[in-house]
C-alpha cells in the first residue's frame, strides 16, 4: 500500500498522539533507476486535507476552536551512483500549506515549515557519513518522549496538523567497531522565546551506539549534548529483545537544570542549577500481525512548581504528547510521574485496510488524564481516511496545563 501503513503508525492527534521511536529517522528509499546510471531519483507526493474541532477549558472561555488545512507534501531524493559524486544524496521535503483557524493567541500553535527537511549527505564506503542542511534525527526506545534528545524530544513523532521539521545542522557519523557507531552534530535549535529562558546559541551533541545480535537484538547508546538554551547534559538508553515478541527498554538523562535562565529574570524551577534527571522505562509486545502494545513509566525531575503550573504562559507551553514540542526550551511534561499505555493495530478486523491507534496518559503524582483514539481506513492504495477523537481532564491545580479538553478531527491523505 505504498505509504499508508507507515503513515498510519506516524499520524497522531494534537491533543494526545502516538510516537514512533526509530533507531534512526532516515527514510528508507527504493530507487527504480538502474544502479549503473549516474543519477537515481525517487519522489512521492501526498495531499492532506484536515478539519479539526477543539473544546477549550474554562479560563479560555470554554468555547470551541476550529482548524481547516490543506497541505501538499513532496518527498524527493536524488542519488549519485558514479564518480566524482558517488555516494552523495540530496534529500528535499518541501511543504505547501494553506490553513485557517480561530485558536486563541494564548495557545502556542507553531506554524508549519515550508521545508520539513533539506540536506546533502555523503557516504564514504559503509563507515563514514557526513552532511549538512535541515534534518530530523531520532533515536532511543522511548514511546513518546526521548530524554537524551533535547533537540528533537518528540523523537520523530508526526501530527495530522504537520510533520515535525528538521533543524539546520552539520553532522557526521563513523563506525568505530563492527558493532558500534559514533555520531556528532552542531545545530541551530530554533527555539521559541519563553519568558525567563535564554535560548541563544548553537546546540552540540555526540552519541555512541552499539548493537548486538546474539539470539536477540540489544541496542545501547550514550549521549552528551547541550547549548542553545539547554544546559549541558549526559544520558543513555538501552533496548533488549526477549523471545520473539517482547522488548524492554529504558532511557535517562541528567543535567544541572534543564534550560539556561536569563540573568535578569526570575528563575524557573527547571532552570535552577541543581542536578536533576528524567527518564522512561517501557515494556512492549509485538504480534505477528504487526500490532504492538506498550506500557511506559515516565519520570520528570524538571517538573514545574505549583506557582509555575498556575501561570498559563508556562503551563500551556509543554506539550505532554498533545503536539510538537520541538521549539520550546521547556520540558514537554509539567508533572513528575506518568503512566503511558498505547497500542497500534495496523490490521484491524484482520484487514490491512483498517487500522486503530489508541493512547492513555495518566498523571500519577497529580490527577490528570489524556486519552486518544484514531481509526483509519484505506479504500484503495491511493488514499487513507482518518477519524481521531481525544479527551483530557485535570483537577483545578493542573487546569492551565490542559487547555484543550476534547477534540475531534477528520483527515484525508491522497498519495500520487
Protein backbone atom coordinates (compact mmCIF):
# COMPACT_ATOMS: atom_id res chain seq x y z
CA UNK A 1 0.00 0.00 0.00
CA UNK A 2 2.97 2.28 -0.57
CA UNK A 3 2.97 4.77 2.29
CA UNK A 4 -0.36 4.11 4.00
CA UNK A 5 0.86 1.58 6.54
CA UNK A 6 3.79 3.68 7.71
CA UNK A 7 1.70 6.84 7.65
CA UNK A 8 -0.82 5.16 9.94
CA UNK A 9 1.85 4.47 12.55
CA UNK A 10 3.10 8.05 12.43
CA UNK A 11 -0.04 10.21 12.32
CA UNK A 12 -1.38 11.30 15.73
CA UNK A 13 -3.78 13.82 17.23
CA UNK A 14 -2.79 17.24 18.54
CA UNK A 15 -4.35 16.51 21.89
CA UNK A 16 -2.52 13.25 22.56
CA UNK A 17 -0.60 11.48 19.84
CA UNK A 18 1.35 8.30 19.20
CA UNK A 19 5.04 8.45 18.57
CA UNK A 20 7.34 6.01 16.89
CA UNK A 21 10.84 5.54 18.36
CA UNK A 22 13.13 4.64 15.49
CA UNK A 23 16.81 3.97 15.95
CA UNK A 24 17.23 6.39 13.06
CA UNK A 25 14.94 8.94 11.46
CA UNK A 26 16.29 8.22 7.96
CA UNK A 27 13.79 7.35 5.24
CA UNK A 28 14.22 4.00 3.51
CA UNK A 29 14.27 4.77 -0.19
CA UNK A 30 13.81 2.34 -3.09
CA UNK A 31 15.25 3.54 -6.39
CA UNK A 32 13.72 2.36 -9.63
CA UNK A 33 16.62 3.52 -11.79
CA UNK A 34 19.44 1.20 -12.88
CA UNK A 35 22.26 1.45 -10.31
CA UNK A 36 24.68 1.70 -13.24
CA UNK A 37 23.34 5.10 -14.22
CA UNK A 38 24.89 8.22 -12.71
CA UNK A 39 21.69 9.59 -11.17
CA UNK A 40 18.77 7.84 -9.50
CA UNK A 41 15.76 9.60 -8.01
CA UNK A 42 12.66 8.78 -6.01
CA UNK A 43 9.72 11.03 -5.25
CA UNK A 44 6.31 10.81 -3.64
CA UNK A 45 3.51 13.34 -3.41
CA UNK A 46 0.92 13.48 -0.64
CA UNK A 47 -2.08 15.77 -0.34
CA UNK A 48 -3.56 16.04 3.16
CA UNK A 49 -6.90 17.65 3.99
CA UNK A 50 -7.86 18.07 7.64
CA UNK A 51 -10.64 19.61 9.70
CA UNK A 52 -10.47 19.69 13.50
CA UNK A 53 -12.72 20.99 16.25
CA UNK A 54 -11.44 21.57 19.79
CA UNK A 55 -13.25 22.30 23.04
CA UNK A 56 -11.26 24.71 25.22
CA UNK A 57 -11.01 24.83 29.00
CA UNK A 58 -12.92 27.36 31.13
CA UNK A 59 -10.14 30.00 31.54
CA UNK A 60 -10.21 30.42 27.74
CA UNK A 61 -13.98 30.87 27.79
CA UNK A 62 -14.96 27.23 27.37
CA UNK A 63 -15.67 27.85 23.69
CA UNK A 64 -14.70 25.74 20.71
CA UNK A 65 -11.96 26.38 18.16
CA UNK A 66 -11.73 25.02 14.64
CA UNK A 67 -8.97 24.50 12.14
CA UNK A 68 -9.08 23.53 8.48
CA UNK A 69 -5.91 22.85 6.50
CA UNK A 70 -4.68 21.60 3.16
CA UNK A 71 -1.06 20.53 2.80
CA UNK A 72 0.78 19.34 -0.29
CA UNK A 73 3.92 17.34 0.57
CA UNK A 74 6.76 16.22 -1.66
CA UNK A 75 9.39 13.72 -0.50
CA UNK A 76 12.25 13.71 -3.02
CA UNK A 77 15.70 12.17 -3.09
CA UNK A 78 18.42 12.30 -5.72
CA UNK A 79 21.39 9.92 -5.51
CA UNK A 80 24.65 9.91 -7.44
CA UNK A 81 25.98 6.46 -8.40
CA UNK A 82 29.18 7.38 -10.26
CA UNK A 83 32.37 9.36 -9.66
CA UNK A 84 33.08 12.09 -8.72
CA UNK A 85 29.88 12.35 -6.62
CA UNK A 86 29.29 8.65 -5.93
CA UNK A 87 27.72 8.10 -2.53
CA UNK A 88 26.13 11.57 -2.36
CA UNK A 89 22.41 12.08 -1.79
CA UNK A 90 20.17 15.14 -1.85
CA UNK A 91 17.02 14.92 0.28
CA UNK A 92 14.25 17.51 -0.09
CA UNK A 93 10.86 17.57 1.66
CA UNK A 94 9.09 20.82 0.74
CA UNK A 95 5.58 21.56 2.05
CA UNK A 96 2.89 23.90 0.72
CA UNK A 97 0.27 24.69 3.40
CA UNK A 98 -2.97 26.67 3.45
CA UNK A 99 -4.92 26.78 6.71
CA UNK A 100 -7.46 28.74 8.71
CA UNK A 101 -8.02 28.57 12.46
CA UNK A 102 -9.55 30.56 15.29
CA UNK A 103 -7.43 29.29 18.19
CA UNK A 104 -6.82 31.90 20.91
CA UNK A 105 -3.46 33.65 20.69
CA UNK A 106 -2.66 32.41 24.21
CA UNK A 107 -2.34 28.84 22.93
CA UNK A 108 1.00 28.06 21.27
CA UNK A 109 0.46 26.87 17.72
CA UNK A 110 3.73 26.52 15.77
CA UNK A 111 3.39 27.46 12.13
CA UNK A 112 4.20 24.78 9.52
CA UNK A 113 7.61 24.96 7.88
CA UNK A 114 7.66 25.20 4.09
CA UNK A 115 10.70 22.88 4.12
CA UNK A 116 10.41 19.93 6.51
CA UNK A 117 13.85 18.61 5.57
CA UNK A 118 16.50 19.56 3.06
CA UNK A 119 20.08 18.31 3.33
CA UNK A 120 23.02 16.78 1.48
CA UNK A 121 24.51 13.51 2.72
CA UNK A 122 27.73 11.86 1.54
CA UNK A 123 28.63 8.25 2.35
CA UNK A 124 32.24 7.12 2.09
CA UNK A 125 32.03 3.37 1.79
CA UNK A 126 29.96 1.90 4.61
CA UNK A 127 31.76 3.51 7.54
CA UNK A 128 31.67 7.32 7.26
CA UNK A 129 28.74 9.66 6.60
CA UNK A 130 28.87 13.46 6.61
CA UNK A 131 26.23 16.01 5.72
CA UNK A 132 24.72 19.44 6.18
CA UNK A 133 21.27 21.00 5.97
CA UNK A 134 17.91 20.84 7.67
CA UNK A 135 17.41 17.35 9.10
CA UNK A 136 15.27 15.43 11.60
CA UNK A 137 17.05 12.89 13.83
CA UNK A 138 15.54 10.47 16.35
CA UNK A 139 16.80 7.54 18.40
CA UNK A 140 16.18 5.56 21.55
CA UNK A 141 13.49 3.12 22.74
CA UNK A 142 11.01 5.61 24.24
CA UNK A 143 7.40 5.51 23.06
CA UNK A 144 6.81 9.27 23.06
CA UNK A 145 9.44 11.45 24.72
CA UNK A 146 13.20 10.99 24.30
CA UNK A 147 15.13 12.24 27.38
CA UNK A 148 18.51 12.08 25.58
CA UNK A 149 17.30 14.02 22.51
CA UNK A 150 16.56 17.59 23.63
CA UNK A 151 16.97 18.78 20.05
CA UNK A 152 14.01 16.60 18.98
CA UNK A 153 12.30 15.47 22.21
CA UNK A 154 9.29 14.17 20.27
CA UNK A 155 11.63 11.57 18.78
CA UNK A 156 10.25 11.84 15.25
CA UNK A 157 6.55 11.92 16.08
CA UNK A 158 4.25 13.40 13.45
CA UNK A 159 0.85 15.02 13.98
CA UNK A 160 -2.00 15.28 11.48
CA UNK A 161 -1.53 19.07 11.56
CA UNK A 162 2.04 18.98 10.38
CA UNK A 163 5.13 16.84 10.39
CA UNK A 164 7.99 17.87 12.64
CA UNK A 165 10.58 19.69 10.53
CA UNK A 166 14.29 19.22 10.88
CA UNK A 167 16.75 21.80 12.15
CA UNK A 168 19.78 23.29 10.39
CA UNK A 169 22.86 21.28 11.27
CA UNK A 170 26.24 19.93 10.25
CA UNK A 171 26.59 16.25 11.14
CA UNK A 172 28.78 13.21 10.70
CA UNK A 173 29.00 9.61 11.80
CA UNK A 174 31.53 6.79 11.60
CA UNK A 175 31.87 3.16 12.67
CA UNK A 176 34.36 2.61 15.48
CA UNK A 177 33.90 -1.18 15.61
CA UNK A 178 31.89 -3.92 13.96
CA UNK A 179 29.08 -3.20 16.43
CA UNK A 180 29.49 0.48 17.27
CA UNK A 181 28.93 3.82 15.62
CA UNK A 182 29.54 7.41 16.78
CA UNK A 183 27.56 10.46 15.62
CA UNK A 184 28.24 14.16 16.19
CA UNK A 185 26.35 17.31 15.17
CA UNK A 186 26.22 21.07 15.61
CA UNK A 187 22.76 22.58 15.10
CA UNK A 188 20.62 25.67 15.36
CA UNK A 189 17.90 24.61 17.87
CA UNK A 190 15.46 27.26 16.55
CA UNK A 191 13.90 27.76 19.97
CA UNK A 192 10.82 29.89 20.59
CA UNK A 193 11.10 32.73 23.08
CA UNK A 194 9.93 31.74 26.56
CA UNK A 195 9.98 34.22 29.44
CA UNK A 196 12.88 33.58 31.80
CA UNK A 197 14.89 31.38 29.41
CA UNK A 198 17.94 32.37 27.37
CA UNK A 199 17.56 30.49 24.08
CA UNK A 200 20.51 31.97 22.17
CA UNK A 201 23.44 29.99 20.78
CA UNK A 202 24.05 26.72 19.00
CA UNK A 203 23.41 23.15 20.12
CA UNK A 204 26.08 20.41 20.03
CA UNK A 205 25.67 16.68 20.57
CA UNK A 206 27.74 13.48 20.44
CA UNK A 207 26.24 9.98 20.52
CA UNK A 208 27.73 6.48 20.52
CA UNK A 209 25.58 3.41 19.84
CA UNK A 210 26.28 -0.32 20.00
CA UNK A 211 24.23 -3.22 18.61
CA UNK A 212 24.48 -6.91 19.43
CA UNK A 213 22.61 -9.71 17.69
CA UNK A 214 23.17 -12.91 19.65
CA UNK A 215 19.85 -14.69 19.67
CA UNK A 216 18.10 -11.39 20.49
CA UNK A 217 18.79 -7.83 19.40
CA UNK A 218 20.26 -5.50 22.03
CA UNK A 219 20.95 -1.80 21.45
CA UNK A 220 22.74 0.56 23.86
CA UNK A 221 23.66 4.22 23.48
CA UNK A 222 25.43 7.03 25.33
CA UNK A 223 24.74 10.73 24.65
CA UNK A 224 26.17 14.07 25.71
CA UNK A 225 24.93 17.44 24.49
CA UNK A 226 23.83 20.96 25.32
CA UNK A 227 23.82 24.60 24.25
CA UNK A 228 21.33 26.85 22.53
CA UNK A 229 19.23 27.34 25.65
CA UNK A 230 19.75 23.85 27.10
CA UNK A 231 22.03 23.02 30.00
CA UNK A 232 24.84 20.52 29.24
CA UNK A 233 23.55 17.01 29.87
CA UNK A 234 24.54 13.35 29.68
CA UNK A 235 22.36 10.32 29.18
CA UNK A 236 21.97 6.84 27.80
CA UNK A 237 19.50 4.25 26.57
CA UNK A 238 19.18 0.50 26.19
CA UNK A 239 16.71 -1.81 24.47
CA UNK A 240 16.67 -5.61 24.60
CA UNK A 241 14.52 -8.22 22.89
CA UNK A 242 13.00 -11.05 24.95
CA UNK A 243 11.79 -14.01 22.95
CA UNK A 244 10.02 -13.38 19.68
CA UNK A 245 7.52 -10.77 20.84
CA UNK A 246 8.66 -8.85 23.94
CA UNK A 247 11.04 -5.88 24.21
CA UNK A 248 12.17 -3.93 27.26
CA UNK A 249 13.81 -0.53 27.15
CA UNK A 250 14.95 2.41 29.24
CA UNK A 251 16.29 5.91 28.56
CA UNK A 252 17.59 8.52 31.04
CA UNK A 253 19.33 11.90 31.01
CA UNK A 254 20.67 14.24 33.73
CA UNK A 255 21.83 17.86 33.96
CA UNK A 256 22.16 20.80 36.36
CA UNK A 257 18.92 22.46 35.32
CA UNK A 258 17.06 21.86 32.07
CA UNK A 259 17.47 25.21 30.32
CA UNK A 260 19.57 28.36 30.71
CA UNK A 261 17.86 31.16 32.63
CA UNK A 262 18.07 34.84 31.77
CA UNK A 263 20.18 36.81 34.24
CA UNK A 264 17.53 39.46 34.92
CA UNK A 265 14.52 37.12 35.08
CA UNK A 266 13.00 35.12 37.89
CA UNK A 267 14.44 31.61 37.77
CA UNK A 268 12.15 28.75 36.84
CA UNK A 269 12.35 25.51 38.77
CA UNK A 270 13.66 23.90 35.56
CA UNK A 271 16.46 26.44 35.27
CA UNK A 272 17.98 26.21 38.74
CA UNK A 273 21.45 24.75 38.70
CA UNK A 274 20.69 21.67 40.69
CA UNK A 275 21.32 18.16 39.38
CA UNK A 276 18.10 16.57 38.19
CA UNK A 277 17.18 13.75 35.83
CA UNK A 278 14.34 12.45 33.71
CA UNK A 279 13.76 9.05 32.18
CA UNK A 280 11.44 6.40 30.80
CA UNK A 281 11.17 2.63 31.20
CA UNK A 282 8.93 0.56 28.98
CA UNK A 283 7.75 -2.90 28.02
CA UNK A 284 6.41 -3.70 24.54
CA UNK A 285 4.63 -6.63 22.98
CA UNK A 286 4.63 -7.07 19.21
CA UNK A 287 2.29 -9.51 17.47
CA UNK A 288 2.98 -11.24 14.15
CA UNK A 289 0.13 -9.21 12.61
CA UNK A 290 2.11 -6.01 13.18
CA UNK A 291 0.09 -4.92 16.21
CA UNK A 292 2.02 -3.53 19.17
CA UNK A 293 1.08 -2.71 22.77
CA UNK A 294 3.40 -0.73 25.03
CA UNK A 295 3.42 0.31 28.68
CA UNK A 296 5.78 3.04 29.85
CA UNK A 297 6.61 4.83 33.10
CA UNK A 298 7.82 8.43 32.73
CA UNK A 299 9.70 10.39 35.40
CA UNK A 300 10.34 14.14 35.07
CA UNK A 301 12.73 15.63 37.60
CA UNK A 302 12.24 19.05 35.96
CA UNK A 303 8.53 19.31 36.81
CA UNK A 304 7.07 22.79 37.19
CA UNK A 305 6.37 24.15 40.66
CA UNK A 306 2.82 24.81 41.89
CA UNK A 307 3.25 28.51 41.13
CA UNK A 308 4.60 27.85 37.64
CA UNK A 309 1.74 25.47 36.81
CA UNK A 310 -0.74 28.27 37.63
CA UNK A 311 0.99 30.54 35.08
CA UNK A 312 -0.73 29.95 31.69
CA UNK A 313 2.29 31.34 29.82
CA UNK A 314 4.33 28.42 31.20
CA UNK A 315 1.82 25.62 31.76
CA UNK A 316 0.36 25.78 28.25
CA UNK A 317 3.74 25.58 26.53
CA UNK A 318 4.78 21.98 27.33
CA UNK A 319 3.01 19.54 25.03
CA UNK A 320 2.82 16.35 27.15
CA UNK A 321 2.17 14.48 23.93
CA UNK A 322 -0.54 16.86 22.71
CA UNK A 323 1.61 18.42 20.00
CA UNK A 324 5.13 19.01 18.76
CA UNK A 325 7.41 20.47 21.45
CA UNK A 326 10.40 20.80 19.15
CA UNK A 327 10.95 24.56 19.51
CA UNK A 328 10.24 25.03 23.22
CA UNK A 329 13.07 25.20 25.78
CA UNK A 330 10.74 23.70 28.39
CA UNK A 331 10.31 20.09 29.38
CA UNK A 332 7.34 18.57 27.47
CA UNK A 333 5.75 17.39 30.76
CA UNK A 334 4.66 19.60 33.66
CA UNK A 335 4.21 16.81 36.25
CA UNK A 336 6.83 14.47 37.67
CA UNK A 337 5.29 10.99 37.15
CA UNK A 338 3.20 9.50 34.36
CA UNK A 339 1.90 6.15 33.14
CA UNK A 340 1.56 5.71 29.40
CA UNK A 341 -0.33 2.87 27.67
CA UNK A 342 -0.58 2.78 23.91
CA UNK A 343 -1.42 0.35 21.16
CA UNK A 344 -1.41 0.16 17.38
CA UNK A 345 -3.37 -2.33 15.28
CA UNK A 346 -2.48 -1.83 11.58
CA UNK A 347 -4.66 -4.81 10.55
CA UNK A 348 -7.85 -4.20 12.50
CA UNK A 349 -10.55 -6.82 11.82
CA UNK A 350 -7.80 -8.84 10.13
CA UNK A 351 -7.90 -6.43 7.19
CA UNK A 352 -4.82 -4.38 6.27
CA UNK A 353 -7.04 -1.51 5.10
CA UNK A 354 -8.33 -0.84 8.63
CA UNK A 355 -6.18 0.43 11.48
CA UNK A 356 -6.58 1.62 15.06
CA UNK A 357 -4.28 3.64 17.31
CA UNK A 358 -5.02 4.32 20.99
CA UNK A 359 -3.21 6.07 23.81
CA UNK A 360 -3.87 6.67 27.50
CA UNK A 361 -1.62 9.01 29.51
CA UNK A 362 -2.22 9.21 33.25
CA UNK A 363 -0.52 11.55 35.70
CA UNK A 364 0.45 9.60 38.82
CA UNK A 365 1.53 12.30 41.25
CA UNK A 366 -1.46 14.50 40.39
CA UNK A 367 -4.83 13.72 38.81
CA UNK A 368 -4.68 14.30 35.05
CA UNK A 369 -5.66 12.12 32.10
CA UNK A 370 -5.31 12.33 28.33
CA UNK A 371 -6.92 9.68 26.11
CA UNK A 372 -6.88 9.40 22.35
CA UNK A 373 -8.12 7.02 19.63
CA UNK A 374 -7.75 7.15 15.87
CA UNK A 375 -9.44 4.93 13.31
CA UNK A 376 -8.03 4.74 9.79
CA UNK A 377 -9.39 3.22 6.58
CA UNK A 378 -7.73 2.89 3.17
CA UNK A 379 -10.37 2.36 0.46
CA UNK A 380 -7.55 1.80 -2.03
CA UNK A 381 -3.82 2.15 -2.48
CA UNK A 382 -4.03 5.86 -3.21
CA UNK A 383 -5.85 7.26 -0.17
CA UNK A 384 -6.38 6.87 3.59
CA UNK A 385 -9.13 8.33 5.79
CA UNK A 386 -8.60 9.17 9.48
CA UNK A 387 -11.03 9.89 12.31
CA UNK A 388 -9.48 10.88 15.63
CA UNK A 389 -11.01 11.80 18.99
CA UNK A 390 -9.37 12.83 22.25
CA UNK A 391 -10.35 13.79 25.77
CA UNK A 392 -8.28 15.41 28.54
CA UNK A 393 -9.16 16.22 32.12
CA UNK A 394 -7.31 17.58 35.15
CA UNK A 395 -8.00 18.91 38.62
CA UNK A 396 -8.14 22.64 39.27
CA UNK A 397 -4.45 22.81 40.22
CA UNK A 398 -3.48 21.47 36.76
CA UNK A 399 -6.20 23.22 34.78
CA UNK A 400 -3.77 25.51 32.96
CA UNK A 401 -1.81 22.54 31.61
CA UNK A 402 -4.87 21.03 29.86
CA UNK A 403 -6.15 23.89 27.64
CA UNK A 404 -7.87 21.52 25.18
CA UNK A 405 -10.41 19.28 26.91
CA UNK A 406 -11.87 17.49 23.86
CA UNK A 407 -11.13 17.35 20.17
CA UNK A 408 -12.27 15.53 17.05
CA UNK A 409 -10.72 15.63 13.60
CA UNK A 410 -11.20 14.11 10.18
CA UNK A 411 -8.32 13.85 7.71
CA UNK A 412 -7.80 12.52 4.20
CA UNK A 413 -4.41 11.62 2.73
CA UNK A 414 -4.13 11.14 -1.02
CA UNK A 415 -0.95 9.59 -2.47
CA UNK A 416 0.21 10.09 -6.04
